[in-house]
Amino acid sequence: EALAGFALGTALGILCGAVLHYSP
């Protein structure tokens, strides 16, 4: 459960962080 949540959270977190940076 922890690894699945971490993998999904990492993918979505990096994607969301990139969107925040590149789209004011």
PDB file of all heavy atoms in Angstrom:
ATOM      1  N   GLU A   1       0.831  -1.210   0.000  1.00  0.00           N
ATOM      2  CA  GLU A   1       0.000   0.000   0.000  1.00  0.00           C
ATOM      3  C   GLU A   1       0.865   1.259   0.000  1.00  0.00           C
ATOM      4  O   GLU A   1       0.586   2.218  -0.726  1.00  0.00           O
ATOM      5  CB  GLU A   1      -0.921  -0.017   1.226  1.00  0.00           C
ATOM      6  CG  GLU A   1      -1.935  -1.145   1.223  1.00  0.00           C
ATOM      7  CD  GLU A   1      -2.571  -1.379   2.580  1.00  0.00           C
ATOM      8  OE1 GLU A   1      -2.094  -0.783   3.579  1.00  0.00           O
ATOM      9  OE2 GLU A   1      -3.537  -2.168   2.659  1.00  0.00           O
ATOM     10  N   ALA A   2       1.923   1.245   0.813  1.00  0.00           N
ATOM     11  CA  ALA A   2       2.797   2.423   0.898  1.00  0.00           C
ATOM     12  C   ALA A   2       3.528   2.665  -0.412  1.00  0.00           C
ATOM     13  O   ALA A   2       3.621   3.811  -0.878  1.00  0.00           O
ATOM     14  CB  ALA A   2       3.795   2.246   2.046  1.00  0.00           C
ATOM     15  N   LEU A   3       4.047   1.617  -1.026  1.00  0.00           N
ATOM     16  CA  LEU A   3       4.781   1.777  -2.281  1.00  0.00           C
ATOM     17  C   LEU A   3       3.865   2.228  -3.414  1.00  0.00           C
ATOM     18  O   LEU A   3       4.257   3.063  -4.242  1.00  0.00           O
ATOM     19  CB  LEU A   3       5.481   0.466  -2.652  1.00  0.00           C
ATOM     20  CG  LEU A   3       6.662   0.064  -1.773  1.00  0.00           C
ATOM     21  CD1 LEU A   3       7.211  -1.294  -2.194  1.00  0.00           C
ATOM     22  CD2 LEU A   3       7.760   1.120  -1.818  1.00  0.00           C
ATOM     23  N   ALA A   4       2.659   1.683  -3.451  1.00  0.00           N
ATOM     24  CA  ALA A   4       1.704   2.115  -4.480  1.00  0.00           C
ATOM     25  C   ALA A   4       1.343   3.581  -4.292  1.00  0.00           C
ATOM     26  O   ALA A   4       1.303   4.357  -5.256  1.00  0.00           O
ATOM     27  CB  ALA A   4       0.450   1.242  -4.430  1.00  0.00           C
ATOM     28  N   GLY A   5       1.093   3.987  -3.054  1.00  0.00           N
ATOM     29  CA  GLY A   5       0.768   5.383  -2.782  1.00  0.00           C
ATOM     30  C   GLY A   5       1.934   6.301  -3.074  1.00  0.00           C
ATOM     31  O   GLY A   5       1.755   7.396  -3.624  1.00  0.00           O
ATOM     32  N   PHE A   6       3.143   5.849  -2.748  1.00  0.00           N
ATOM     33  CA  PHE A   6       4.328   6.671  -3.014  1.00  0.00           C
ATOM     34  C   PHE A   6       4.553   6.831  -4.515  1.00  0.00           C
ATOM     35  O   PHE A   6       4.866   7.933  -4.990  1.00  0.00           O
ATOM     36  CB  PHE A   6       5.549   6.029  -2.364  1.00  0.00           C
ATOM     37  CG  PHE A   6       6.846   6.691  -2.727  1.00  0.00           C
ATOM     38  CD1 PHE A   6       7.169   7.942  -2.234  1.00  0.00           C
ATOM     39  CD2 PHE A   6       7.756   6.056  -3.563  1.00  0.00           C
ATOM     40  CE1 PHE A   6       8.364   8.562  -2.566  1.00  0.00           C
ATOM     41  CE2 PHE A   6       8.949   6.654  -3.900  1.00  0.00           C
ATOM     42  CZ  PHE A   6       9.261   7.918  -3.404  1.00  0.00           C
ATOM     43  N   ALA A   7       4.415   5.748  -5.262  1.00  0.00           N
ATOM     44  CA  ALA A   7       4.626   5.818  -6.707  1.00  0.00           C
ATOM     45  C   ALA A   7       3.620   6.761  -7.358  1.00  0.00           C
ATOM     46  O   ALA A   7       3.980   7.610  -8.189  1.00  0.00           O
ATOM     47  CB  ALA A   7       4.523   4.419  -7.318  1.00  0.00           C
ATOM     48  N   LEU A   8       2.364   6.622  -6.979  1.00  0.00           N
ATOM     49  CA  LEU A   8       1.331   7.484  -7.550  1.00  0.00           C
ATOM     50  C   LEU A   8       1.516   8.924  -7.098  1.00  0.00           C
ATOM     51  O   LEU A   8       1.397   9.865  -7.897  1.00  0.00           O
ATOM     52  CB  LEU A   8      -0.050   6.971  -7.141  1.00  0.00           C
ATOM     53  CG  LEU A   8      -1.266   7.647  -7.776  1.00  0.00           C
ATOM     54  CD1 LEU A   8      -1.201   7.542  -9.296  1.00  0.00           C
ATOM     55  CD2 LEU A   8      -2.565   7.023  -7.255  1.00  0.00           C
ATOM     56  N   GLY A   9       1.818   9.122  -5.827  1.00  0.00           N
ATOM     57  CA  GLY A   9       2.036  10.472  -5.319  1.00  0.00           C
ATOM     58  C   GLY A   9       3.243  11.136  -5.940  1.00  0.00           C
ATOM     59  O   GLY A   9       3.232  12.349  -6.203  1.00  0.00           O
ATOM     60  N   THR A  10       4.304  10.355  -6.205  1.00  0.00           N
ATOM     61  CA  THR A  10       5.500  10.911  -6.838  1.00  0.00           C
ATOM     62  C   THR A  10       5.202  11.359  -8.261  1.00  0.00           C
ATOM     63  O   THR A  10       5.573  12.466  -8.673  1.00  0.00           O
ATOM     64  CB  THR A  10       6.628   9.869  -6.843  1.00  0.00           C
ATOM     65  OG1 THR A  10       6.969   9.539  -5.487  1.00  0.00           O
ATOM     66  CG2 THR A  10       7.859  10.409  -7.557  1.00  0.00           C
ATOM     67  N   ALA A  11       4.531  10.504  -9.024  1.00  0.00           N
ATOM     68  CA  ALA A  11       4.211  10.844 -10.410  1.00  0.00           C
ATOM     69  C   ALA A  11       3.327  12.083 -10.487  1.00  0.00           C
ATOM     70  O   ALA A  11       3.608  13.028 -11.242  1.00  0.00           O
ATOM     71  CB  ALA A  11       3.528   9.655 -11.094  1.00  0.00           C
ATOM     72  N   LEU A  12       2.264  12.099  -9.690  1.00  0.00           N
ATOM     73  CA  LEU A  12       1.351  13.240  -9.717  1.00  0.00           C
ATOM     74  C   LEU A  12       2.002  14.487  -9.133  1.00  0.00           C
ATOM     75  O   LEU A  12       1.768  15.607  -9.613  1.00  0.00           O
ATOM     76  CB  LEU A  12       0.076  12.897  -8.944  1.00  0.00           C
ATOM     77  CG  LEU A  12      -0.826  11.822  -9.569  1.00  0.00           C
ATOM     78  CD1 LEU A  12      -2.024  11.554  -8.669  1.00  0.00           C
ATOM     79  CD2 LEU A  12      -1.285  12.234 -10.961  1.00  0.00           C
ATOM     80  N   GLY A  13       2.824  14.318  -8.107  1.00  0.00           N
ATOM     81  CA  GLY A  13       3.474  15.464  -7.478  1.00  0.00           C
ATOM     82  C   GLY A  13       4.455  16.150  -8.410  1.00  0.00           C
ATOM     83  O   GLY A  13       4.474  17.379  -8.505  1.00  0.00           O
ATOM     84  N   ILE A  14       5.283  15.351  -9.098  1.00  0.00           N
ATOM     85  CA  ILE A  14       6.237  15.943 -10.040  1.00  0.00           C
ATOM     86  C   ILE A  14       5.506  16.608 -11.199  1.00  0.00           C
ATOM     87  O   ILE A  14       5.864  17.715 -11.627  1.00  0.00           O
ATOM     88  CB  ILE A  14       7.209  14.863 -10.555  1.00  0.00           C
ATOM     89  CG1 ILE A  14       8.095  14.378  -9.407  1.00  0.00           C
ATOM     90  CG2 ILE A  14       8.059  15.397 -11.701  1.00  0.00           C
ATOM     91  CD1 ILE A  14       9.018  13.239  -9.779  1.00  0.00           C
ATOM     92  N   LEU A  15       4.467  15.951 -11.705  1.00  0.00           N
ATOM     93  CA  LEU A  15       3.698  16.534 -12.803  1.00  0.00           C
ATOM     94  C   LEU A  15       3.037  17.844 -12.386  1.00  0.00           C
ATOM     95  O   LEU A  15       3.112  18.857 -13.109  1.00  0.00           O
ATOM     96  CB  LEU A  15       2.634  15.535 -13.272  1.00  0.00           C
ATOM     97  CG  LEU A  15       1.691  16.017 -14.380  1.00  0.00           C
ATOM     98  CD1 LEU A  15       2.464  16.351 -15.642  1.00  0.00           C
ATOM     99  CD2 LEU A  15       0.620  14.965 -14.664  1.00  0.00           C
ATOM    100  N   CYS A  16       2.426  17.847 -11.206  1.00  0.00           N
ATOM    101  CA  CYS A  16       1.748  19.046 -10.729  1.00  0.00           C
ATOM    102  C   CYS A  16       2.757  20.162 -10.448  1.00  0.00           C
ATOM    103  O   CYS A  16       2.503  21.330 -10.765  1.00  0.00           O
ATOM    104  CB  CYS A  16       0.943  18.722  -9.473  1.00  0.00           C
ATOM    105  SG  CYS A  16      -0.099  20.075  -8.887  1.00  0.00           S
ATOM    106  N   GLY A  17       3.910  19.813  -9.870  1.00  0.00           N
ATOM    107  CA  GLY A  17       4.933  20.819  -9.617  1.00  0.00           C
ATOM    108  C   GLY A  17       5.449  21.442 -10.900  1.00  0.00           C
ATOM    109  O   GLY A  17       5.696  22.654 -10.961  1.00  0.00           O
ATOM    110  N   ALA A  18       5.595  20.618 -11.946  1.00  0.00           N
ATOM    111  CA  ALA A  18       6.041  21.144 -13.239  1.00  0.00           C
ATOM    112  C   ALA A  18       4.991  22.061 -13.849  1.00  0.00           C
ATOM    113  O   ALA A  18       5.320  23.115 -14.411  1.00  0.00           O
ATOM    114  CB  ALA A  18       6.348  19.982 -14.188  1.00  0.00           C
ATOM    115  N   VAL A  19       3.719  21.684 -13.740  1.00  0.00           N
ATOM    116  CA  VAL A  19       2.644  22.533 -14.270  1.00  0.00           C
ATOM    117  C   VAL A  19       2.618  23.873 -13.540  1.00  0.00           C
ATOM    118  O   VAL A  19       2.470  24.933 -14.170  1.00  0.00           O
ATOM    119  CB  VAL A  19       1.283  21.816 -14.141  1.00  0.00           C
ATOM    120  CG1 VAL A  19       0.135  22.775 -14.462  1.00  0.00           C
ATOM    121  CG2 VAL A  19       1.231  20.617 -15.077  1.00  0.00           C
ATOM    122  N   LEU A  20       2.786  23.852 -12.240  1.00  0.00           N
ATOM    123  CA  LEU A  20       2.810  25.098 -11.472  1.00  0.00           C
ATOM    124  C   LEU A  20       3.960  26.000 -11.920  1.00  0.00           C
ATOM    125  O   LEU A  20       3.813  27.227 -11.972  1.00  0.00           O
ATOM    126  CB  LEU A  20       2.946  24.799  -9.979  1.00  0.00           C
ATOM    127  CG  LEU A  20       1.752  24.140  -9.281  1.00  0.00           C
ATOM    128  CD1 LEU A  20       2.101  23.830  -7.830  1.00  0.00           C
ATOM    129  CD2 LEU A  20       0.519  25.015  -9.354  1.00  0.00           C
ATOM    130  N   HIS A  21       5.098  25.400 -12.239  1.00  0.00           N
ATOM    131  CA  HIS A  21       6.259  26.193 -12.638  1.00  0.00           C
ATOM    132  C   HIS A  21       6.107  26.768 -14.046  1.00  0.00           C
ATOM    133  O   HIS A  21       6.403  27.949 -14.277  1.00  0.00           O
ATOM    134  CB  HIS A  21       7.518  25.339 -12.573  1.00  0.00           C
ATOM    135  CG  HIS A  21       8.734  26.015 -13.144  1.00  0.00           C
ATOM    136  ND1 HIS A  21       9.362  27.073 -12.517  1.00  0.00           N
ATOM    137  CD2 HIS A  21       9.429  25.789 -14.295  1.00  0.00           C
ATOM    138  CE1 HIS A  21      10.384  27.465 -13.237  1.00  0.00           C
ATOM    139  NE2 HIS A  21      10.452  26.721 -14.331  1.00  0.00           N
ATOM    140  N   TYR A  22       5.658  25.954 -14.970  1.00  0.00           N
ATOM    141  CA  TYR A  22       5.646  26.367 -16.375  1.00  0.00           C
ATOM    142  C   TYR A  22       4.371  27.106 -16.779  1.00  0.00           C
ATOM    143  O   TYR A  22       4.323  27.659 -17.874  1.00  0.00           O
ATOM    144  CB  TYR A  22       5.836  25.146 -17.277  1.00  0.00           C
ATOM    145  CG  TYR A  22       7.226  24.566 -17.211  1.00  0.00           C
ATOM    146  CD1 TYR A  22       7.457  23.333 -16.609  1.00  0.00           C
ATOM    147  CD2 TYR A  22       8.317  25.259 -17.728  1.00  0.00           C
ATOM    148  CE1 TYR A  22       8.732  22.796 -16.533  1.00  0.00           C
ATOM    149  CE2 TYR A  22       9.602  24.738 -17.645  1.00  0.00           C
ATOM    150  CZ  TYR A  22       9.807  23.503 -17.054  1.00  0.00           C
ATOM    151  OH  TYR A  22      11.072  22.986 -16.977  1.00  0.00           O
ATOM    152  N   SER A  23       3.363  27.112 -15.926  1.00  0.00           N
ATOM    153  CA  SER A  23       2.116  27.810 -16.267  1.00  0.00           C
ATOM    154  C   SER A  23       1.751  28.793 -15.148  1.00  0.00           C
ATOM    155  O   SER A  23       1.093  28.402 -14.172  1.00  0.00           O
ATOM    156  CB  SER A  23       0.978  26.804 -16.483  1.00  0.00           C
ATOM    157  OG  SER A  23      -0.230  27.471 -16.765  1.00  0.00           O
ATOM    158  N   PRO A  24       2.171  30.043 -15.254  1.00  0.00           N
ATOM    159  CA  PRO A  24       1.825  31.029 -14.216  1.00  0.00           C
ATOM    160  C   PRO A  24       0.321  31.184 -14.025  1.00  0.00           C
ATOM    161  O   PRO A  24      -0.133  31.430 -12.902  1.00  0.00           O
ATOM    162  CB  PRO A  24       2.451  32.325 -14.753  1.00  0.00           C
ATOM    163  CG  PRO A  24       3.536  31.875 -15.676  1.00  0.00           C
ATOM    164  CD  PRO A  24       3.038  30.612 -16.305  1.00  0.00           C
TER     165      PRO A  24
END
